[in-house]
């Protein structure tokens, strides 16, 4: 190759790399961009993001709030979801599904109109996490009191199977190729489920992780990310269950997301009141690159993959007046949705 051609190509590559570095979101620049005050009574749990409609679904005790993230305002409510924990999105079916912990049911709603179209009864007791698996076209609820997963046929909106688990299931993730993974909180294990046979395929220990809750997956590099109560994130090979890395995070995590576009993993730490931003250097190596202040109680989050922003639920909490009297209580009407990203 001629010298001037090599020089031109090198210069072009430098310009491209510099432009990409300027355009790519840098977690060190991340901060709280807005706080949407929604108020109202009731606790909260998971959030889910519908990328097609640009809607954020927020679980809220006996209802699900629907927020248009581009308008930064609430546009609807899914009612009748007693004890709701999670919301599963099935874009190809144009359906959403909520796990209703108090009455062992799932509410099915239309993603376009937000109208409730069906109720599925008869899941295991206290369904918590919920997900849609595109490979089987089934919805799975993970039942905290029954130590089981319920399998729902999306064509008939009925429970068609139950998978016994060895302990209390927490969050779950799918590889979209016939396997679902779920954290077992009280055993510090990760379970792999075969969605063709609806059976447990493997059970793996999570190393030094204690009480795993949130779970995310990188389907290209086949890595799972479990966040744990002892301020650790365990990174697991989804093919064989090997723990390939342990990464320090904040206190009180309950959710984690993987942003494929930036190779970033984010853990929301409710006790620390921050997000740990972790860069995936390669499949087996990870670096903490930023700690992003949020708010105490902001323990769950959802990712907007288009804008590389994070949305979190939070509220102001006050300690009980009597020492040892239990959990902190919420300041009335202080419930808020935080949006975190690059200015």
Protein backbone atom coordinates (compact mmCIF):
# COMPACT_ATOMS: atom_id res chain seq x y z
CA UNK A 1 0.00 0.00 0.00
CA UNK A 2 1.32 3.44 -0.92
CA UNK A 3 2.50 5.69 1.93
CA UNK A 4 0.05 8.55 1.23
CA UNK A 5 -2.86 6.10 1.06
CA UNK A 6 -1.86 4.58 4.40
CA UNK A 7 -1.67 8.06 5.90
CA UNK A 8 -5.09 9.01 4.55
CA UNK A 9 -6.68 5.85 5.91
CA UNK A 10 -5.04 6.34 9.30
CA UNK A 11 -6.25 9.92 9.49
CA UNK A 12 -9.78 8.87 8.51
CA UNK A 13 -9.78 6.17 11.19
CA UNK A 14 -8.63 8.67 13.83
CA UNK A 15 -11.42 11.07 12.89
CA UNK A 16 -13.99 8.27 13.01
CA UNK A 17 -12.81 7.06 16.42
CA UNK A 18 -12.79 10.59 17.82
CA UNK A 19 -16.30 11.22 16.48
CA UNK A 20 -17.56 7.97 17.98
CA UNK A 21 -15.97 8.75 21.34
CA UNK A 22 -17.71 12.13 21.38
CA UNK A 23 -21.07 10.66 20.34
CA UNK A 24 -21.12 7.59 22.59
CA UNK A 25 -22.70 8.18 25.99
CA UNK A 26 -20.06 8.39 28.70
CA UNK A 27 -21.31 7.11 32.08
CA UNK A 28 -19.08 9.61 33.87
CA UNK A 29 -21.30 12.32 32.36
CA UNK A 30 -24.53 10.65 33.49
CA UNK A 31 -26.75 12.45 35.97
CA UNK A 32 -30.41 12.80 36.91
CA UNK A 33 -31.96 14.68 34.00
CA UNK A 34 -35.51 14.93 35.31
CA UNK A 35 -37.82 13.95 38.16
CA UNK A 36 -41.42 13.23 37.20
CA UNK A 37 -43.59 13.60 40.30
CA UNK A 38 -46.42 11.08 40.12
CA UNK A 39 -47.40 10.96 43.79
CA UNK A 40 -50.21 8.71 44.95
CA UNK A 41 -50.31 5.88 47.49
CA UNK A 42 -48.76 2.44 47.36
CA UNK A 43 -45.40 0.77 47.02
CA UNK A 44 -43.59 -0.16 43.82
CA UNK A 45 -41.36 -2.78 42.28
CA UNK A 46 -40.15 -3.39 38.71
CA UNK A 47 -40.31 -1.14 35.67
CA UNK A 48 -40.44 -2.24 32.02
CA UNK A 49 -39.82 -0.32 28.81
CA UNK A 50 -41.73 -0.70 25.54
CA UNK A 51 -39.19 0.54 23.01
CA UNK A 52 -41.67 0.54 20.10
CA UNK A 53 -44.24 2.79 21.77
CA UNK A 54 -41.69 4.63 23.95
CA UNK A 55 -43.74 3.77 27.02
CA UNK A 56 -42.43 3.12 30.51
CA UNK A 57 -44.56 0.77 32.64
CA UNK A 58 -44.31 1.38 36.37
CA UNK A 59 -45.68 -1.14 38.89
CA UNK A 60 -47.62 0.57 41.69
CA UNK A 61 -49.36 -1.63 44.28
CA UNK A 62 -52.75 -2.25 42.57
CA UNK A 63 -52.14 -0.58 39.21
CA UNK A 64 -49.52 0.02 36.55
CA UNK A 65 -48.71 3.58 35.55
CA UNK A 66 -47.89 4.25 31.89
CA UNK A 67 -45.45 7.06 31.14
CA UNK A 68 -44.63 8.49 27.72
CA UNK A 69 -40.89 9.07 28.16
CA UNK A 70 -40.59 11.52 25.27
CA UNK A 71 -43.34 13.72 26.70
CA UNK A 72 -42.18 12.95 30.27
CA UNK A 73 -45.74 12.56 31.50
CA UNK A 74 -48.18 9.86 32.59
CA UNK A 75 -50.60 8.94 29.80
CA UNK A 76 -52.49 5.98 31.23
CA UNK A 77 -53.10 3.40 33.93
CA UNK A 78 -53.57 -0.38 33.83
CA UNK A 79 -56.04 -1.07 36.68
CA UNK A 80 -56.86 -4.15 38.71
CA UNK A 81 -53.33 -5.49 39.23
CA UNK A 82 -53.45 -6.29 42.95
CA UNK A 83 -49.96 -6.61 44.39
CA UNK A 84 -48.30 -6.08 41.01
CA UNK A 85 -44.56 -6.75 40.83
CA UNK A 86 -43.49 -6.92 37.19
CA UNK A 87 -44.56 -6.19 33.63
CA UNK A 88 -43.56 -8.35 30.66
CA UNK A 89 -43.60 -6.91 27.14
CA UNK A 90 -44.32 -9.04 24.05
CA UNK A 91 -43.95 -6.65 21.08
CA UNK A 92 -44.64 -9.30 18.44
CA UNK A 93 -47.98 -10.10 20.11
CA UNK A 94 -48.78 -6.45 20.91
CA UNK A 95 -49.45 -7.57 24.46
CA UNK A 96 -48.25 -6.74 27.95
CA UNK A 97 -48.54 -8.95 31.04
CA UNK A 98 -48.47 -8.06 34.75
CA UNK A 99 -47.71 -10.37 37.67
CA UNK A 100 -50.31 -9.76 40.38
CA UNK A 101 -48.84 -11.02 43.63
CA UNK A 102 -51.91 -10.75 45.84
CA UNK A 103 -54.31 -12.88 43.81
CA UNK A 104 -52.02 -15.24 41.86
CA UNK A 105 -53.02 -13.88 38.48
CA UNK A 106 -51.73 -12.14 35.37
CA UNK A 107 -53.41 -9.17 33.70
CA UNK A 108 -53.10 -9.11 29.90
CA UNK A 109 -53.32 -5.73 28.16
CA UNK A 110 -53.02 -4.34 24.64
CA UNK A 111 -49.81 -2.40 24.00
CA UNK A 112 -51.50 -0.07 21.49
CA UNK A 113 -54.66 0.88 23.39
CA UNK A 114 -53.51 -0.03 26.94
CA UNK A 115 -56.90 -1.74 27.40
CA UNK A 116 -57.11 -4.87 29.57
CA UNK A 117 -58.02 -7.83 27.33
CA UNK A 118 -57.81 -10.85 29.67
CA UNK A 119 -56.99 -12.12 33.14
CA UNK A 120 -55.06 -15.35 33.65
CA UNK A 121 -55.83 -17.03 36.97
CA UNK A 122 -54.11 -19.90 38.71
CA UNK A 123 -50.43 -19.07 38.77
CA UNK A 124 -48.33 -20.11 41.75
CA UNK A 125 -48.62 -18.07 44.95
CA UNK A 126 -47.22 -14.54 44.95
CA UNK A 127 -46.01 -14.25 41.34
CA UNK A 128 -43.12 -11.78 41.33
CA UNK A 129 -40.88 -11.52 38.27
CA UNK A 130 -42.50 -12.12 34.88
CA UNK A 131 -41.11 -12.38 31.36
CA UNK A 132 -42.08 -13.22 27.80
CA UNK A 133 -39.93 -15.82 26.01
CA UNK A 134 -40.03 -15.31 22.21
CA UNK A 135 -38.70 -18.80 21.47
CA UNK A 136 -41.62 -20.62 23.11
CA UNK A 137 -44.11 -17.73 22.92
CA UNK A 138 -44.87 -18.41 26.55
CA UNK A 139 -45.05 -16.05 29.51
CA UNK A 140 -43.36 -17.20 32.71
CA UNK A 141 -44.23 -16.00 36.20
CA UNK A 142 -41.80 -16.69 39.03
CA UNK A 143 -43.73 -17.37 42.20
CA UNK A 144 -42.08 -16.27 45.42
CA UNK A 145 -44.22 -18.23 47.87
CA UNK A 146 -44.68 -21.39 45.80
CA UNK A 147 -41.00 -21.74 44.81
CA UNK A 148 -42.08 -22.34 41.25
CA UNK A 149 -42.51 -20.90 37.77
CA UNK A 150 -45.87 -20.91 36.01
CA UNK A 151 -46.00 -21.30 32.22
CA UNK A 152 -48.71 -19.36 30.36
CA UNK A 153 -49.80 -20.07 26.79
CA UNK A 154 -50.24 -16.67 25.12
CA UNK A 155 -52.73 -18.06 22.59
CA UNK A 156 -55.21 -19.34 25.16
CA UNK A 157 -54.20 -17.06 28.07
CA UNK A 158 -54.11 -20.03 30.40
CA UNK A 159 -51.57 -21.70 32.69
CA UNK A 160 -50.27 -24.80 30.91
CA UNK A 161 -47.44 -25.88 33.18
CA UNK A 162 -45.62 -25.51 36.49
CA UNK A 163 -41.86 -25.81 37.02
CA UNK A 164 -40.75 -26.65 40.57
CA UNK A 165 -37.76 -24.66 41.82
CA UNK A 166 -35.50 -25.41 44.78
CA UNK A 167 -35.93 -22.00 46.39
CA UNK A 168 -37.40 -18.51 46.11
CA UNK A 169 -37.14 -17.17 42.56
CA UNK A 170 -36.27 -13.56 41.89
CA UNK A 171 -35.69 -11.84 38.53
CA UNK A 172 -35.35 -13.76 35.26
CA UNK A 173 -33.96 -13.34 31.74
CA UNK A 174 -34.29 -15.14 28.42
CA UNK A 175 -31.67 -15.91 25.77
CA UNK A 176 -34.53 -15.98 23.21
CA UNK A 177 -33.20 -19.34 21.98
CA UNK A 178 -35.05 -21.75 24.23
CA UNK A 179 -33.65 -20.99 27.66
CA UNK A 180 -34.80 -18.88 30.58
CA UNK A 181 -32.58 -18.07 33.57
CA UNK A 182 -33.73 -17.13 37.06
CA UNK A 183 -31.95 -16.14 40.28
CA UNK A 184 -32.81 -18.23 43.36
CA UNK A 185 -32.50 -15.71 46.16
CA UNK A 186 -32.36 -17.88 49.28
CA UNK A 187 -29.87 -20.36 47.80
CA UNK A 188 -27.57 -17.95 45.92
CA UNK A 189 -28.07 -20.00 42.77
CA UNK A 190 -28.90 -19.43 39.12
CA UNK A 191 -31.27 -21.83 37.38
CA UNK A 192 -31.41 -22.54 33.64
CA UNK A 193 -34.81 -23.64 32.31
CA UNK A 194 -35.37 -25.42 29.00
CA UNK A 195 -38.46 -23.72 27.55
CA UNK A 196 -39.08 -26.53 25.06
CA UNK A 197 -39.67 -29.06 27.84
CA UNK A 198 -40.41 -26.64 30.72
CA UNK A 199 -37.89 -28.39 32.95
CA UNK A 200 -34.84 -27.27 34.93
CA UNK A 201 -31.79 -27.94 32.76
CA UNK A 202 -29.05 -26.76 35.15
CA UNK A 203 -28.52 -25.22 38.58
CA UNK A 204 -25.39 -23.19 39.23
CA UNK A 205 -23.86 -21.68 42.37
CA UNK A 206 -23.10 -17.96 42.18
CA UNK A 207 -19.72 -17.96 43.91
CA UNK A 208 -19.50 -15.41 46.72
CA UNK A 209 -22.77 -13.72 45.75
CA UNK A 210 -25.40 -13.52 48.52
CA UNK A 211 -29.16 -13.11 47.96
CA UNK A 212 -29.18 -12.45 44.19
CA UNK A 213 -32.08 -10.35 42.94
CA UNK A 214 -31.81 -8.48 39.62
CA UNK A 215 -30.68 -10.33 36.49
CA UNK A 216 -29.71 -9.18 32.98
CA UNK A 217 -28.25 -10.93 29.95
CA UNK A 218 -25.90 -10.23 27.06
CA UNK A 219 -27.14 -12.57 24.35
CA UNK A 220 -24.24 -11.95 21.99
CA UNK A 221 -21.47 -12.83 24.43
CA UNK A 222 -23.67 -15.23 26.44
CA UNK A 223 -23.12 -13.57 29.79
CA UNK A 224 -25.52 -13.19 32.72
CA UNK A 225 -25.33 -10.45 35.33
CA UNK A 226 -26.72 -11.18 38.82
CA UNK A 227 -26.70 -8.37 41.41
CA UNK A 228 -26.38 -9.44 45.02
CA UNK A 229 -27.09 -8.09 48.50
CA UNK A 230 -23.45 -8.20 49.57
CA UNK A 231 -22.50 -5.43 47.12
CA UNK A 232 -21.37 -7.76 44.35
CA UNK A 233 -22.35 -8.45 40.77
CA UNK A 234 -21.67 -12.00 39.58
CA UNK A 235 -20.97 -12.41 35.86
CA UNK A 236 -21.81 -15.92 34.66
CA UNK A 237 -21.18 -17.80 31.42
CA UNK A 238 -24.69 -18.67 30.21
CA UNK A 239 -23.41 -21.79 28.45
CA UNK A 240 -21.79 -23.58 31.39
CA UNK A 241 -22.58 -21.62 34.57
CA UNK A 242 -19.00 -20.62 35.34
CA UNK A 243 -18.62 -17.39 37.33
CA UNK A 244 -16.17 -15.42 35.18
CA UNK A 245 -16.06 -12.20 37.22
CA UNK A 246 -17.17 -10.65 40.50
CA UNK A 247 -17.64 -6.86 40.28
CA UNK A 248 -18.14 -4.47 43.24
CA UNK A 249 -21.41 -2.52 43.23
CA UNK A 250 -23.42 -0.42 45.68
CA UNK A 251 -25.68 -1.47 48.54
CA UNK A 252 -29.25 -2.68 48.19
CA UNK A 253 -29.48 -3.53 44.46
CA UNK A 254 -32.71 -4.92 43.09
CA UNK A 255 -32.26 -4.55 39.34
CA UNK A 256 -29.61 -4.56 36.64
CA UNK A 257 -29.69 -3.83 32.90
CA UNK A 258 -27.26 -4.42 30.03
CA UNK A 259 -26.96 -1.78 27.30
CA UNK A 260 -25.70 -3.65 24.25
CA UNK A 261 -25.13 -0.42 22.32
CA UNK A 262 -22.53 0.84 24.78
CA UNK A 263 -21.34 -2.43 26.40
CA UNK A 264 -22.41 -1.06 29.78
CA UNK A 265 -24.02 -2.82 32.74
CA UNK A 266 -25.96 -0.71 35.26
CA UNK A 267 -26.89 -1.78 38.80
CA UNK A 268 -29.46 0.29 40.71
CA UNK A 269 -28.51 0.41 44.39
CA UNK A 270 -31.45 1.48 46.55
CA UNK A 271 -29.63 1.71 49.88
CA UNK A 272 -26.61 3.55 48.49
CA UNK A 273 -28.82 5.85 46.43
CA UNK A 274 -26.75 5.44 43.29
CA UNK A 275 -26.11 3.44 40.12
CA UNK A 276 -22.93 1.47 39.54
CA UNK A 277 -21.87 1.78 35.89
CA UNK A 278 -19.75 -1.18 34.75
CA UNK A 279 -18.02 -1.41 31.36
CA UNK A 280 -17.76 -4.77 29.62
CA UNK A 281 -14.13 -4.74 28.46
CA UNK A 282 -14.57 -8.19 26.97
CA UNK A 283 -16.71 -11.21 27.78
CA UNK A 284 -14.79 -12.03 30.98
CA UNK A 285 -13.43 -8.66 32.11
CA UNK A 286 -15.36 -5.73 33.62
CA UNK A 287 -14.44 -2.30 34.97
CA UNK A 288 -16.40 0.02 37.24
CA UNK A 289 -16.26 3.35 35.40
CA UNK A 290 -18.69 5.54 37.35
CA UNK A 291 -20.95 5.80 40.38
CA UNK A 292 -23.99 7.88 39.45
CA UNK A 293 -25.93 9.55 42.29
CA UNK A 294 -29.69 8.95 42.21
CA UNK A 295 -31.77 8.80 45.40
CA UNK A 296 -32.10 6.37 48.31
CA UNK A 297 -34.94 3.91 47.53
CA UNK A 298 -34.21 3.96 43.76
CA UNK A 299 -33.59 0.22 43.61
CA UNK A 300 -35.24 -0.80 40.32
CA UNK A 301 -34.67 0.52 36.82
CA UNK A 302 -35.39 0.07 33.12
CA UNK A 303 -33.29 0.92 30.06
CA UNK A 304 -34.22 3.07 27.08
CA UNK A 305 -31.84 1.50 24.50
CA UNK A 306 -32.38 4.22 21.91
CA UNK A 307 -31.31 7.16 24.08
CA UNK A 308 -29.18 5.07 26.46
CA UNK A 309 -31.12 6.47 29.40
CA UNK A 310 -32.18 4.82 32.65
CA UNK A 311 -35.53 5.23 34.38
CA UNK A 312 -35.92 4.53 38.10
CA UNK A 313 -38.76 4.56 40.65
CA UNK A 314 -38.14 6.26 43.98
CA UNK A 315 -39.79 8.05 46.88
CA UNK A 316 -38.75 9.92 49.98
CA UNK A 317 -38.59 7.60 52.98
CA UNK A 318 -38.66 8.32 56.70
CA UNK A 319 -37.45 6.07 59.51
CA UNK A 320 -40.00 4.60 61.92
CA UNK A 321 -40.49 6.65 65.08
CA UNK A 322 -39.77 3.61 67.25
CA UNK A 323 -36.37 1.91 66.82
CA UNK A 324 -36.73 -1.58 65.36
CA UNK A 325 -40.33 -0.92 64.39
CA UNK A 326 -39.84 -2.13 60.83
CA UNK A 327 -39.39 -0.62 57.40
CA UNK A 328 -39.17 3.05 56.60
CA UNK A 329 -42.41 4.62 55.42
CA UNK A 330 -42.99 6.72 52.33
CA UNK A 331 -43.57 10.45 52.55
CA UNK A 332 -47.07 11.00 51.08
CA UNK A 333 -47.14 11.93 47.36
CA UNK A 334 -43.36 11.76 47.05
CA UNK A 335 -43.33 8.95 44.45
CA UNK A 336 -41.13 9.96 41.50
CA UNK A 337 -39.70 8.64 38.25
CA UNK A 338 -36.05 9.59 37.79
CA UNK A 339 -34.53 9.78 34.32
CA UNK A 340 -30.76 9.35 34.25
CA UNK A 341 -28.57 9.96 31.24
CA UNK A 342 -26.19 12.26 29.48
CA UNK A 343 -27.22 15.95 29.24
